Protein backbone atom coordinates (compact mmCIF):
# COMPACT_ATOMS: atom_id res chain seq x y z
CA MET A 1 -0.13 -18.71 40.47
CA PRO A 2 -1.72 -21.15 42.71
CA GLU A 3 -1.15 -20.74 46.49
CA LYS A 4 2.60 -21.94 47.79
CA TYR A 5 3.34 -23.98 50.54
CA VAL A 6 6.93 -25.30 51.71
CA ILE A 7 7.28 -28.73 54.09
CA ILE A 8 10.60 -28.68 55.76
CA VAL A 9 11.81 -31.92 56.84
CA ALA A 10 14.09 -32.00 59.53
CA GLY A 11 14.49 -35.36 61.22
CA GLY A 12 17.96 -35.79 61.20
CA SER A 13 20.33 -36.85 63.74
CA GLY A 14 24.18 -35.72 64.60
CA SER A 15 25.53 -39.30 63.94
CA ARG A 16 27.49 -38.55 60.81
CA MET A 17 28.52 -35.13 62.22
CA GLY A 18 29.77 -37.14 65.57
CA SER A 19 27.58 -34.52 67.34
CA ALA A 20 25.15 -35.10 70.06
CA LEU A 21 23.08 -32.13 68.63
CA PRO A 22 21.00 -33.03 65.83
CA LYS A 23 22.79 -31.30 62.44
CA GLN A 24 19.77 -29.25 61.67
CA PHE A 25 20.21 -27.27 64.73
CA LEU A 26 24.48 -26.79 64.07
CA GLU A 27 25.44 -23.09 63.86
CA VAL A 28 26.64 -21.78 60.48
CA ASN A 29 28.71 -18.84 61.10
CA GLY A 30 26.57 -18.06 64.14
CA ARG A 31 22.85 -19.16 63.15
CA PRO A 32 21.47 -22.61 63.24
CA ILE A 33 21.24 -24.56 59.76
CA LEU A 34 17.42 -25.10 59.97
CA MET A 35 16.91 -21.43 60.38
CA ARG A 36 18.46 -20.41 57.38
CA THR A 37 17.02 -22.71 55.54
CA ILE A 38 13.53 -21.55 56.34
CA GLU A 39 14.75 -17.89 55.81
CA VAL A 40 15.70 -18.53 52.38
CA PHE A 41 12.32 -19.67 51.35
CA PHE A 42 10.73 -16.31 53.08
CA SER A 43 13.50 -14.48 50.91
CA PHE A 44 11.62 -15.85 47.81
CA ASP A 45 7.98 -15.46 49.03
CA PRO A 46 7.31 -13.52 52.49
CA SER A 47 3.75 -15.13 52.16
CA ILE A 48 4.70 -18.47 51.67
CA ALA A 49 3.26 -21.30 54.13
CA VAL A 50 5.91 -23.08 55.78
CA ILE A 51 5.35 -26.25 57.34
CA LEU A 52 8.36 -27.54 59.59
CA VAL A 53 8.58 -31.57 60.26
CA LEU A 54 10.37 -32.26 63.35
CA PRO A 55 10.87 -35.06 65.49
CA GLN A 56 8.69 -35.04 68.77
CA SER A 57 11.62 -35.24 70.89
CA ASN A 58 13.28 -32.11 69.32
CA MET A 59 10.33 -29.60 69.33
CA ASP A 60 11.22 -28.23 72.78
CA LEU A 61 14.50 -27.76 71.68
CA TRP A 62 13.77 -25.83 68.47
CA LYS A 63 11.53 -23.61 70.71
CA GLU A 64 14.29 -22.47 72.64
CA LEU A 65 16.49 -21.82 69.70
CA CYS A 66 13.99 -19.51 68.37
CA LYS A 67 13.90 -17.46 71.38
CA GLU A 68 17.53 -17.33 71.77
CA HIS A 69 17.83 -16.08 67.91
CA ARG A 70 14.74 -14.06 67.93
CA PHE A 71 13.37 -15.98 65.12
CA LEU A 72 10.07 -14.49 64.11
CA PRO A 73 8.78 -16.04 61.00
CA ALA A 74 5.62 -17.61 61.37
CA HIS A 75 5.57 -21.62 60.65
CA GLN A 76 3.66 -24.55 61.49
CA ILE A 77 5.44 -27.29 63.35
CA VAL A 78 4.13 -31.01 63.00
CA ALA A 79 5.63 -34.15 64.70
CA GLY A 80 7.70 -36.38 62.17
CA GLY A 81 7.38 -40.25 61.60
CA ALA A 82 9.55 -43.38 61.96
CA SER A 83 10.72 -42.74 58.18
CA ARG A 84 11.40 -39.47 56.04
CA PHE A 85 8.21 -41.07 53.81
CA GLN A 86 6.05 -41.18 57.18
CA SER A 87 7.31 -37.64 58.11
CA VAL A 88 6.42 -36.00 54.65
CA ARG A 89 2.99 -37.68 54.94
CA ASN A 90 2.49 -36.10 58.31
CA GLY A 91 3.26 -32.63 56.70
CA LEU A 92 0.85 -32.93 53.73
CA GLU A 93 -2.15 -33.79 56.10
CA LEU A 94 -1.84 -29.94 57.05
CA LEU A 95 -2.50 -28.76 53.57
CA PRO A 96 -5.32 -28.13 51.46
CA ASP A 97 -6.61 -30.15 48.54
CA LYS A 98 -5.28 -27.50 46.14
CA GLY A 99 -2.04 -25.16 45.58
CA LEU A 100 1.47 -26.11 44.99
CA VAL A 101 4.18 -27.49 47.82
CA ALA A 102 7.83 -27.65 47.55
CA ILE A 103 9.32 -30.37 49.66
CA HIS A 104 12.95 -29.49 51.15
CA ASP A 105 15.37 -31.08 53.27
CA GLY A 106 16.10 -28.94 56.45
CA VAL A 107 20.15 -29.31 56.00
CA ARG A 108 19.80 -27.44 52.33
CA PRO A 109 20.22 -23.75 53.32
CA PHE A 110 22.16 -22.68 50.02
CA VAL A 111 19.45 -23.30 47.76
CA SER A 112 18.86 -20.20 45.38
CA ALA A 113 15.64 -18.28 45.47
CA GLU A 114 16.02 -18.53 41.54
CA VAL A 115 15.86 -22.36 41.72
CA ILE A 116 12.72 -22.12 44.03
CA ALA A 117 10.92 -19.89 41.98
CA GLN A 118 11.47 -22.41 38.86
CA GLY A 119 10.20 -25.31 40.58
CA PHE A 120 6.81 -23.74 41.65
CA LYS A 121 6.48 -22.14 37.81
CA VAL A 122 7.25 -25.60 36.34
CA ALA A 123 4.99 -27.54 38.93
CA SER A 124 1.93 -25.17 37.97
CA LYS A 125 2.31 -26.15 34.20
CA GLN A 126 3.67 -30.20 34.56
CA GLY A 127 2.53 -31.07 37.79
CA ASN A 128 6.04 -31.50 39.38
CA ALA A 129 9.56 -29.96 39.11
CA ILE A 130 12.70 -31.95 40.64
CA VAL A 131 15.86 -30.12 41.35
CA SER A 132 19.15 -31.93 39.68
CA LEU A 133 22.61 -31.59 38.35
CA PRO A 134 24.89 -33.20 36.09
CA LEU A 135 27.66 -35.56 37.18
CA LYS A 136 30.97 -34.24 36.96
CA GLU A 137 32.70 -37.53 37.89
CA SER A 138 32.95 -40.99 36.13
CA ILE A 139 30.68 -43.57 37.34
CA ARG A 140 30.93 -47.26 37.38
CA GLU A 141 27.96 -49.70 38.21
CA VAL A 142 28.85 -52.58 40.61
CA SER A 143 27.23 -56.11 40.51
CA GLY A 144 27.62 -58.91 42.79
CA SER A 145 29.60 -58.34 45.72
CA GLY A 146 31.11 -55.20 44.34
CA ASN A 147 33.95 -57.22 42.86
CA LYS A 148 32.75 -56.58 39.30
CA SER A 149 32.06 -53.17 37.90
CA ALA A 150 31.09 -51.36 34.37
CA ALA A 151 31.64 -47.88 33.14
CA ARG A 152 28.76 -46.31 32.40
CA ASP A 153 27.68 -43.14 30.54
CA ARG A 154 27.25 -40.17 33.14
CA SER A 155 25.37 -37.92 30.66
CA LYS A 156 22.47 -40.03 31.14
CA TYR A 157 22.13 -39.60 34.99
CA ARG A 158 21.53 -36.78 37.13
CA LEU A 159 22.17 -35.95 40.72
CA ILE A 160 18.82 -35.45 42.41
CA GLN A 161 18.38 -32.56 45.28
CA THR A 162 15.52 -30.75 46.83
CA PRO A 163 13.22 -28.52 46.67
CA GLN A 164 10.93 -31.16 44.76
CA THR A 165 7.91 -29.25 44.01
CA PHE A 166 4.26 -30.58 43.57
CA ASP A 167 0.59 -30.14 42.64
CA ILE A 168 -0.92 -30.72 45.98
CA ARG A 169 -3.17 -33.21 44.60
CA VAL A 170 -0.56 -35.05 42.76
CA ILE A 171 1.71 -35.42 46.03
CA LYS A 172 -1.23 -36.30 47.98
CA LYS A 173 -2.42 -39.07 45.98
CA ALA A 174 0.98 -40.41 45.48
CA TYR A 175 1.44 -40.81 49.56
CA GLU A 176 -1.67 -43.05 49.64
CA GLN A 177 0.39 -45.78 48.67
CA PHE A 178 2.08 -48.16 51.09
CA GLU A 179 5.75 -47.01 51.99
CA SER A 180 8.47 -48.57 50.11
CA PRO A 181 12.17 -49.03 50.61
CA LEU A 182 12.44 -48.10 46.68
CA PHE A 183 10.94 -44.65 48.09
CA THR A 184 14.14 -42.65 48.57
CA ASP A 185 12.49 -39.19 48.16
CA ASP A 186 9.30 -37.55 47.13
CA ALA A 187 9.85 -37.82 43.16
CA SER A 188 9.87 -41.96 43.46
CA VAL A 189 6.93 -41.76 45.17
CA VAL A 190 5.24 -39.64 42.75
CA GLU A 191 6.97 -41.76 39.96
CA SER A 192 5.36 -44.93 41.52
CA ALA A 193 1.90 -43.59 41.29
CA GLY A 194 2.33 -43.45 37.74
CA GLU A 195 3.47 -39.76 36.98
CA SER A 196 6.16 -38.65 35.05
CA ILE A 197 9.01 -36.66 36.42
CA VAL A 198 10.21 -33.22 35.42
CA LEU A 199 13.82 -32.33 35.89
CA ILE A 200 15.08 -28.47 36.52
CA GLU A 201 18.39 -27.52 36.94
CA GLY A 202 19.73 -27.06 40.41
CA ASN A 203 22.26 -24.62 41.77
CA GLU A 204 25.67 -26.31 42.90
CA ALA A 205 25.94 -24.38 46.36
CA ASN A 206 22.84 -26.54 47.07
CA ILE A 207 24.53 -28.91 49.32
CA LYS A 208 23.18 -31.09 52.01
CA ILE A 209 25.05 -30.56 55.29
CA THR A 210 25.54 -33.90 56.63
CA HIS A 211 29.28 -34.51 57.29
CA PRO A 212 31.84 -32.05 59.27
CA ALA A 213 33.50 -30.99 56.02
CA ASP A 214 30.17 -29.95 54.75
CA LEU A 215 30.10 -27.39 57.42
CA LEU A 216 33.33 -25.90 56.29
CA ILE A 217 31.84 -25.60 52.64
CA ALA A 218 29.01 -24.10 54.28
CA ASP A 219 31.11 -21.55 56.62
CA ALA A 220 33.04 -20.94 53.63
CA PHE A 221 29.96 -19.77 51.40
CA LEU A 222 28.47 -17.41 53.71
CA LYS A 223 32.18 -15.85 54.59
CA ASN A 224 32.52 -15.22 50.67
CA LYS A 225 28.87 -14.00 50.38
CA LYS A 226 28.29 -16.72 47.52
CA SER A 227 25.33 -18.04 49.26
CA PRO A 228 21.73 -16.52 48.73
CA ILE A 229 21.15 -15.73 52.45
């Protein structure tokens, strides 16, 4: 298996949480979300190389939290950019030109080790592996001002999550493109560069913690020991 890396992007704010503290630093069951996210990757593979992308303004706070919680896992820190695209590109600059890299949201602490492992396995053979889930609810496509809509077959669509895992050569080449508003995740960047996207099954507990209700769900996962960490 090629060398494994993970870029964890943690550039969010606390605006949707209604918090002055950026969401990645909020605690779930006594531990910052971001630490739990990093720890799940080390539980998958203690030798994985972790690159953490943070806003420059958050770096001192992160270092203080690491001391406070005695957070010791080795990781590199790089300053993020003005957008997620720029932040990921900054993280990619620290990587060699071969190996595999998973790119993951800092506020998704409940991805399972099995999903991470599957991502690296598939990406090693097919160049990429994108975590996804089937839709459970009905969907409609809106048009114009939103007053008109049409039902769509949900079986043809997938919810996309992270980690999104890539051959480093593939993802680095893709990020040589100019940034586009259509780049909503790393898969869209790679697809724009001409690559076919490979979907793998995710785990439903892998929620993105962005709203106050998500904190309640995360706390319930931990209390019921349904999380992988």
